[in-house]
Amino acid sequence: MARASSGTLLHRVAILFRVDEPYARLAHELLDAADVPWSGPSTRRLAETTAGRVLLGLLRLPESDFARDTVVDWIASGPVRDPADGRAVPASRWDILSREAGIVTGLAQWSERLTRLARQLTARLEATGDDELTEGARRHNEADLEHVEQLSRFVSDLGARLAPPSPGTWPRLATWARDLLDCYLGGEGRRASWPEPEVEAA
């Protein structure tokens, strides 16, 4: 900073260190804290960014046979959107409802047990008269039923989208992966409000 204040241009100043850890991270953090512009390799791996986490999580779902914990962890790993309406998925509510449905693993189990939970919620609503449920409780049950139907559709659609293209050439796989990211994180317009490093990573 003394050199910069005496007229040396910042692009003619370098910070050198022998080992990356911990100096690369510390240099970036201190320069950012001091509001000093800098250029250099990022210390973050692509897998640690929002786009990286969401894409890698997506690709792991079939390996786990869509285990409930893996699906719920993936949904909570970033601003995952429902392709049906483009809105952010209610991760915590879907976690509770999928646990209540007793889902463990497998697309068939997601479908069967969410359908069963939807029937139970419908029966509960039909069995209780208007005077037996408060307005708030009725709205809560109706919202749960809607969430269960959305979650069932979401997971079914997810299973279909995660079938890789055949033949799996690199260009086709790259396009497939890019389409998955756009589908579940939104296109460039949606990502415009992200922090700049996350936009660059995406």
C-alpha atoms as a PDB file:
ATOM      1  CA  MET A   1       0.000   0.000   0.000  1.00  0.00           C
ATOM      2  CA  ALA A   2       2.970   2.294   0.631  1.00  0.00           C
ATOM      3  CA  ARG A   3       4.205   1.619  -2.914  1.00  0.00           C
ATOM      4  CA  ALA A   4       0.744   2.263  -4.338  1.00  0.00           C
ATOM      5  CA  SER A   5       0.444   5.573  -2.470  1.00  0.00           C
ATOM      6  CA  SER A   6       3.854   6.612  -3.823  1.00  0.00           C
ATOM      7  CA  GLY A   7       2.675   6.036  -7.397  1.00  0.00           C
ATOM      8  CA  THR A   8       3.418   2.380  -8.167  1.00  0.00           C
ATOM      9  CA  LEU A   9       0.554   0.844 -10.146  1.00  0.00           C
ATOM     10  CA  LEU A  10      -1.049  -2.106  -8.374  1.00  0.00           C
ATOM     11  CA  HIS A  11      -0.553  -4.417 -11.365  1.00  0.00           C
ATOM     12  CA  ARG A  12       3.211  -3.953 -10.832  1.00  0.00           C
ATOM     13  CA  VAL A  13       3.020  -5.202  -7.229  1.00  0.00           C
ATOM     14  CA  ALA A  14       2.967  -8.904  -6.297  1.00  0.00           C
ATOM     15  CA  ILE A  15       2.619 -10.898  -3.102  1.00  0.00           C
ATOM     16  CA  LEU A  16       4.733 -14.041  -3.194  1.00  0.00           C
ATOM     17  CA  PHE A  17       4.719 -17.021  -0.819  1.00  0.00           C
ATOM     18  CA  ARG A  18       6.381 -20.433  -0.875  1.00  0.00           C
ATOM     19  CA  VAL A  19       3.395 -22.544   0.139  1.00  0.00           C
ATOM     20  CA  ASP A  20      -0.321 -22.042  -0.522  1.00  0.00           C
ATOM     21  CA  GLU A  21      -1.538 -22.926   2.960  1.00  0.00           C
ATOM     22  CA  PRO A  22      -2.341 -20.742   4.771  1.00  0.00           C
ATOM     23  CA  TYR A  23      -0.886 -17.760   2.894  1.00  0.00           C
ATOM     24  CA  ALA A  24      -3.007 -17.804  -0.277  1.00  0.00           C
ATOM     25  CA  ARG A  25      -6.209 -17.747   1.743  1.00  0.00           C
ATOM     26  CA  LEU A  26      -4.892 -15.139   4.198  1.00  0.00           C
ATOM     27  CA  ALA A  27      -3.674 -12.839   1.413  1.00  0.00           C
ATOM     28  CA  HIS A  28      -7.075 -12.937  -0.294  1.00  0.00           C
ATOM     29  CA  GLU A  29      -8.957 -12.370   2.966  1.00  0.00           C
ATOM     30  CA  LEU A  30      -6.756  -9.461   4.066  1.00  0.00           C
ATOM     31  CA  LEU A  31      -6.849  -7.749   0.673  1.00  0.00           C
ATOM     32  CA  ASP A  32     -10.640  -8.111   0.560  1.00  0.00           C
ATOM     33  CA  ALA A  33     -10.974  -6.776   4.132  1.00  0.00           C
ATOM     34  CA  ALA A  34      -8.817  -3.759   3.199  1.00  0.00           C
ATOM     35  CA  ASP A  35     -10.888  -3.236   0.027  1.00  0.00           C
ATOM     36  CA  VAL A  36      -7.749  -3.587  -2.121  1.00  0.00           C
ATOM     37  CA  PRO A  37      -8.435  -4.876  -5.655  1.00  0.00           C
ATOM     38  CA  TRP A  38      -6.418  -7.962  -6.533  1.00  0.00           C
ATOM     39  CA  SER A  39      -6.055 -10.543  -9.267  1.00  0.00           C
ATOM     40  CA  GLY A  40      -4.847 -14.112  -8.898  1.00  0.00           C
ATOM     41  CA  PRO A  41      -5.861 -17.745  -8.669  1.00  0.00           C
ATOM     42  CA  SER A  42      -8.786 -18.486  -6.404  1.00  0.00           C
ATOM     43  CA  THR A  43      -8.244 -20.534  -3.276  1.00  0.00           C
ATOM     44  CA  ARG A  44     -11.736 -22.033  -3.610  1.00  0.00           C
ATOM     45  CA  ARG A  45     -12.202 -25.248  -5.501  1.00  0.00           C
ATOM     46  CA  LEU A  46     -15.041 -25.298  -8.022  1.00  0.00           C
ATOM     47  CA  ALA A  47     -16.668 -28.116  -6.016  1.00  0.00           C
ATOM     48  CA  GLU A  48     -17.021 -25.705  -3.060  1.00  0.00           C
ATOM     49  CA  THR A  49     -19.093 -23.174  -5.033  1.00  0.00           C
ATOM     50  CA  THR A  50     -22.880 -23.192  -5.254  1.00  0.00           C
ATOM     51  CA  ALA A  51     -22.929 -24.499  -8.837  1.00  0.00           C
ATOM     52  CA  GLY A  52     -20.284 -27.123  -8.043  1.00  0.00           C
ATOM     53  CA  ARG A  53     -22.078 -28.385  -4.926  1.00  0.00           C
ATOM     54  CA  VAL A  54     -25.440 -28.570  -6.661  1.00  0.00           C
ATOM     55  CA  LEU A  55     -24.105 -30.326  -9.773  1.00  0.00           C
ATOM     56  CA  LEU A  56     -21.994 -32.862  -7.853  1.00  0.00           C
ATOM     57  CA  GLY A  57     -24.891 -33.503  -5.467  1.00  0.00           C
ATOM     58  CA  LEU A  58     -27.214 -34.092  -8.425  1.00  0.00           C
ATOM     59  CA  LEU A  59     -24.842 -36.594 -10.002  1.00  0.00           C
ATOM     60  CA  ARG A  60     -24.555 -38.520  -6.703  1.00  0.00           C
ATOM     61  CA  LEU A  61     -28.306 -39.063  -6.344  1.00  0.00           C
ATOM     62  CA  PRO A  62     -28.545 -42.138  -8.641  1.00  0.00           C
ATOM     63  CA  GLU A  63     -25.459 -43.654  -6.934  1.00  0.00           C
ATOM     64  CA  SER A  64     -27.327 -43.556  -3.612  1.00  0.00           C
ATOM     65  CA  ASP A  65     -30.513 -44.861  -5.301  1.00  0.00           C
ATOM     66  CA  PHE A  66     -32.165 -41.572  -4.329  1.00  0.00           C
ATOM     67  CA  ALA A  67     -31.741 -42.204  -0.605  1.00  0.00           C
ATOM     68  CA  ARG A  68     -33.901 -39.752   1.337  1.00  0.00           C
ATOM     69  CA  ASP A  69     -30.987 -38.246   3.281  1.00  0.00           C
ATOM     70  CA  THR A  70     -28.975 -37.703   0.090  1.00  0.00           C
ATOM     71  CA  VAL A  71     -31.905 -36.068  -1.729  1.00  0.00           C
ATOM     72  CA  VAL A  72     -32.700 -33.808   1.239  1.00  0.00           C
ATOM     73  CA  ASP A  73     -29.020 -32.826   1.643  1.00  0.00           C
ATOM     74  CA  TRP A  74     -28.847 -31.974  -2.072  1.00  0.00           C
ATOM     75  CA  ILE A  75     -32.034 -29.873  -1.944  1.00  0.00           C
ATOM     76  CA  ALA A  76     -30.542 -27.892   0.958  1.00  0.00           C
ATOM     77  CA  SER A  77     -27.108 -27.501  -0.716  1.00  0.00           C
ATOM     78  CA  GLY A  78     -28.063 -24.411  -2.706  1.00  0.00           C
ATOM     79  CA  PRO A  79     -30.950 -22.337  -4.036  1.00  0.00           C
ATOM     80  CA  VAL A  80     -32.526 -25.363  -5.768  1.00  0.00           C
ATOM     81  CA  ARG A  81     -35.618 -24.500  -7.823  1.00  0.00           C
ATOM     82  CA  ASP A  82     -38.606 -26.572  -8.865  1.00  0.00           C
ATOM     83  CA  PRO A  83     -38.551 -26.843 -12.694  1.00  0.00           C
ATOM     84  CA  ALA A  84     -42.377 -26.895 -12.674  1.00  0.00           C
ATOM     85  CA  ASP A  85     -42.731 -23.278 -11.509  1.00  0.00           C
ATOM     86  CA  GLY A  86     -39.160 -21.940 -11.131  1.00  0.00           C
ATOM     87  CA  ARG A  87     -39.650 -21.204  -7.440  1.00  0.00           C
ATOM     88  CA  ALA A  88     -37.213 -22.189  -4.681  1.00  0.00           C
ATOM     89  CA  VAL A  89     -38.120 -25.529  -3.144  1.00  0.00           C
ATOM     90  CA  PRO A  90     -39.182 -25.548   0.551  1.00  0.00           C
ATOM     91  CA  ALA A  91     -36.268 -27.743   1.676  1.00  0.00           C
ATOM     92  CA  SER A  92     -37.072 -27.963   5.388  1.00  0.00           C
ATOM     93  CA  ARG A  93     -40.779 -28.721   4.817  1.00  0.00           C
ATOM     94  CA  TRP A  94     -39.967 -31.405   2.242  1.00  0.00           C
ATOM     95  CA  ASP A  95     -37.454 -32.906   4.679  1.00  0.00           C
ATOM     96  CA  ILE A  96     -40.141 -33.219   7.382  1.00  0.00           C
ATOM     97  CA  LEU A  97     -42.804 -34.609   5.034  1.00  0.00           C
ATOM     98  CA  SER A  98     -40.485 -37.173   3.409  1.00  0.00           C
ATOM     99  CA  ARG A  99     -39.462 -38.359   6.878  1.00  0.00           C
ATOM    100  CA  GLU A 100     -43.115 -38.554   7.913  1.00  0.00           C
ATOM    101  CA  ALA A 101     -43.826 -40.627   4.779  1.00  0.00           C
ATOM    102  CA  GLY A 102     -41.179 -43.154   5.899  1.00  0.00           C
ATOM    103  CA  ILE A 103     -39.028 -42.907   2.750  1.00  0.00           C
ATOM    104  CA  VAL A 104     -35.634 -44.595   2.905  1.00  0.00           C
ATOM    105  CA  THR A 105     -34.422 -45.143  -0.655  1.00  0.00           C
ATOM    106  CA  GLY A 106     -35.481 -45.803  -4.247  1.00  0.00           C
ATOM    107  CA  LEU A 107     -37.671 -43.845  -6.667  1.00  0.00           C
ATOM    108  CA  ALA A 108     -40.469 -46.412  -6.329  1.00  0.00           C
ATOM    109  CA  GLN A 109     -40.529 -45.867  -2.574  1.00  0.00           C
ATOM    110  CA  TRP A 110     -40.683 -42.079  -3.014  1.00  0.00           C
ATOM    111  CA  SER A 111     -43.703 -42.490  -5.281  1.00  0.00           C
ATOM    112  CA  GLU A 112     -45.530 -45.130  -3.214  1.00  0.00           C
ATOM    113  CA  ARG A 113     -45.011 -43.591   0.208  1.00  0.00           C
ATOM    114  CA  LEU A 114     -45.754 -40.014  -0.827  1.00  0.00           C
ATOM    115  CA  THR A 115     -48.949 -41.253  -2.517  1.00  0.00           C
ATOM    116  CA  ARG A 116     -49.891 -43.031   0.715  1.00  0.00           C
ATOM    117  CA  LEU A 117     -49.168 -39.892   2.774  1.00  0.00           C
ATOM    118  CA  ALA A 118     -51.289 -37.824   0.366  1.00  0.00           C
ATOM    119  CA  ARG A 119     -54.185 -40.278   0.853  1.00  0.00           C
ATOM    120  CA  GLN A 120     -53.808 -40.026   4.646  1.00  0.00           C
ATOM    121  CA  LEU A 121     -53.841 -36.224   4.550  1.00  0.00           C
ATOM    122  CA  THR A 122     -56.892 -36.221   2.267  1.00  0.00           C
ATOM    123  CA  ALA A 123     -58.706 -38.672   4.552  1.00  0.00           C
ATOM    124  CA  ARG A 124     -57.823 -36.561   7.588  1.00  0.00           C
ATOM    125  CA  LEU A 125     -59.279 -33.469   5.934  1.00  0.00           C
ATOM    126  CA  GLU A 126     -62.451 -35.299   4.867  1.00  0.00           C
ATOM    127  CA  ALA A 127     -62.980 -37.052   8.214  1.00  0.00           C
ATOM    128  CA  THR A 128     -62.964 -33.894  10.290  1.00  0.00           C
ATOM    129  CA  GLY A 129     -65.833 -31.481   9.960  1.00  0.00           C
ATOM    130  CA  ASP A 130     -65.404 -27.759   9.669  1.00  0.00           C
ATOM    131  CA  ASP A 131     -66.137 -27.331  13.380  1.00  0.00           C
ATOM    132  CA  GLU A 132     -63.541 -29.952  14.436  1.00  0.00           C
ATOM    133  CA  LEU A 133     -60.540 -28.215  12.846  1.00  0.00           C
ATOM    134  CA  THR A 134     -59.469 -24.635  13.391  1.00  0.00           C
ATOM    135  CA  GLU A 135     -59.015 -22.604  10.222  1.00  0.00           C
ATOM    136  CA  GLY A 136     -55.263 -22.584  10.826  1.00  0.00           C
ATOM    137  CA  ALA A 137     -55.080 -26.375  11.222  1.00  0.00           C
ATOM    138  CA  ARG A 138     -57.137 -26.897   8.063  1.00  0.00           C
ATOM    139  CA  ARG A 139     -54.891 -24.563   6.062  1.00  0.00           C
ATOM    140  CA  HIS A 140     -51.805 -26.338   7.442  1.00  0.00           C
ATOM    141  CA  ASN A 141     -53.138 -29.773   6.375  1.00  0.00           C
ATOM    142  CA  GLU A 142     -54.094 -28.449   2.939  1.00  0.00           C
ATOM    143  CA  ALA A 143     -50.627 -26.907   2.524  1.00  0.00           C
ATOM    144  CA  ASP A 144     -49.010 -30.213   3.533  1.00  0.00           C
ATOM    145  CA  LEU A 145     -51.090 -32.059   0.953  1.00  0.00           C
ATOM    146  CA  GLU A 146     -49.987 -29.605  -1.734  1.00  0.00           C
ATOM    147  CA  HIS A 147     -46.337 -29.963  -0.662  1.00  0.00           C
ATOM    148  CA  VAL A 148     -46.560 -33.768  -0.801  1.00  0.00           C
ATOM    149  CA  GLU A 149     -47.965 -33.644  -4.341  1.00  0.00           C
ATOM    150  CA  GLN A 150     -45.261 -31.173  -5.438  1.00  0.00           C
ATOM    151  CA  LEU A 151     -42.496 -33.253  -3.852  1.00  0.00           C
ATOM    152  CA  SER A 152     -43.752 -36.434  -5.512  1.00  0.00           C
ATOM    153  CA  ARG A 153     -43.793 -34.740  -8.920  1.00  0.00           C
ATOM    154  CA  PHE A 154     -40.378 -33.142  -8.274  1.00  0.00           C
ATOM    155  CA  VAL A 155     -38.651 -36.432  -7.395  1.00  0.00           C
ATOM    156  CA  SER A 156     -40.258 -38.296 -10.297  1.00  0.00           C
ATOM    157  CA  ASP A 157     -39.089 -35.574 -12.699  1.00  0.00           C
ATOM    158  CA  LEU A 158     -35.645 -35.613 -11.068  1.00  0.00           C
ATOM    159  CA  GLY A 159     -35.268 -39.352 -11.698  1.00  0.00           C
ATOM    160  CA  ALA A 160     -36.141 -38.891 -15.379  1.00  0.00           C
ATOM    161  CA  ARG A 161     -33.743 -35.964 -15.862  1.00  0.00           C
ATOM    162  CA  LEU A 162     -30.815 -37.803 -14.278  1.00  0.00           C
ATOM    163  CA  ALA A 163     -30.739 -40.534 -16.929  1.00  0.00           C
ATOM    164  CA  PRO A 164     -27.524 -39.626 -18.825  1.00  0.00           C
ATOM    165  CA  PRO A 165     -27.581 -39.284 -22.616  1.00  0.00           C
ATOM    166  CA  SER A 166     -26.657 -42.276 -24.728  1.00  0.00           C
ATOM    167  CA  PRO A 167     -24.172 -42.481 -26.296  1.00  0.00           C
ATOM    168  CA  GLY A 168     -22.430 -40.499 -23.577  1.00  0.00           C
ATOM    169  CA  THR A 169     -19.957 -38.444 -25.597  1.00  0.00           C
ATOM    170  CA  TRP A 170     -18.223 -35.585 -23.775  1.00  0.00           C
ATOM    171  CA  PRO A 171     -20.116 -32.850 -25.687  1.00  0.00           C
ATOM    172  CA  ARG A 172     -23.466 -34.529 -24.954  1.00  0.00           C
ATOM    173  CA  LEU A 173     -22.586 -35.072 -21.274  1.00  0.00           C
ATOM    174  CA  ALA A 174     -21.419 -31.448 -20.932  1.00  0.00           C
ATOM    175  CA  THR A 175     -24.656 -30.170 -22.480  1.00  0.00           C
ATOM    176  CA  TRP A 176     -26.671 -32.491 -20.215  1.00  0.00           C
ATOM    177  CA  ALA A 177     -24.825 -31.203 -17.108  1.00  0.00           C
ATOM    178  CA  ARG A 178     -25.294 -27.574 -18.183  1.00  0.00           C
ATOM    179  CA  ASP A 179     -29.003 -28.185 -18.757  1.00  0.00           C
ATOM    180  CA  LEU A 180     -29.316 -29.748 -15.287  1.00  0.00           C
ATOM    181  CA  LEU A 181     -27.736 -26.686 -13.685  1.00  0.00           C
ATOM    182  CA  ASP A 182     -30.009 -24.332 -15.617  1.00  0.00           C
ATOM    183  CA  CYS A 183     -33.009 -26.467 -14.698  1.00  0.00           C
ATOM    184  CA  TYR A 184     -32.348 -26.582 -10.939  1.00  0.00           C
ATOM    185  CA  LEU A 185     -30.508 -23.279 -10.362  1.00  0.00           C
ATOM    186  CA  GLY A 186     -32.114 -21.172 -13.072  1.00  0.00           C
ATOM    187  CA  GLY A 187     -30.427 -19.637 -16.099  1.00  0.00           C
ATOM    188  CA  GLU A 188     -28.021 -16.700 -16.215  1.00  0.00           C
ATOM    189  CA  GLY A 189     -30.830 -14.249 -15.464  1.00  0.00           C
ATOM    190  CA  ARG A 190     -31.566 -15.992 -12.155  1.00  0.00           C
ATOM    191  CA  ARG A 191     -27.860 -16.083 -11.243  1.00  0.00           C
ATOM    192  CA  ALA A 192     -27.336 -12.352 -11.895  1.00  0.00           C
ATOM    193  CA  SER A 193     -28.115 -11.541  -8.244  1.00  0.00           C
ATOM    194  CA  TRP A 194     -25.511 -14.020  -6.932  1.00  0.00           C
ATOM    195  CA  PRO A 195     -22.177 -12.756  -5.558  1.00  0.00           C
ATOM    196  CA  GLU A 196     -19.685 -12.174  -8.382  1.00  0.00           C
ATOM    197  CA  PRO A 197     -17.374 -15.120  -7.487  1.00  0.00           C
ATOM    198  CA  GLU A 198     -20.394 -17.472  -7.591  1.00  0.00           C
ATOM    199  CA  VAL A 199     -21.479 -16.127 -10.995  1.00  0.00           C
ATOM    200  CA  GLU A 200     -17.956 -16.641 -12.359  1.00  0.00           C
ATOM    201  CA  ALA A 201     -17.812 -20.151 -10.907  1.00  0.00           C
ATOM    202  CA  ALA A 202     -21.165 -21.029 -12.493  1.00  0.00           C
END
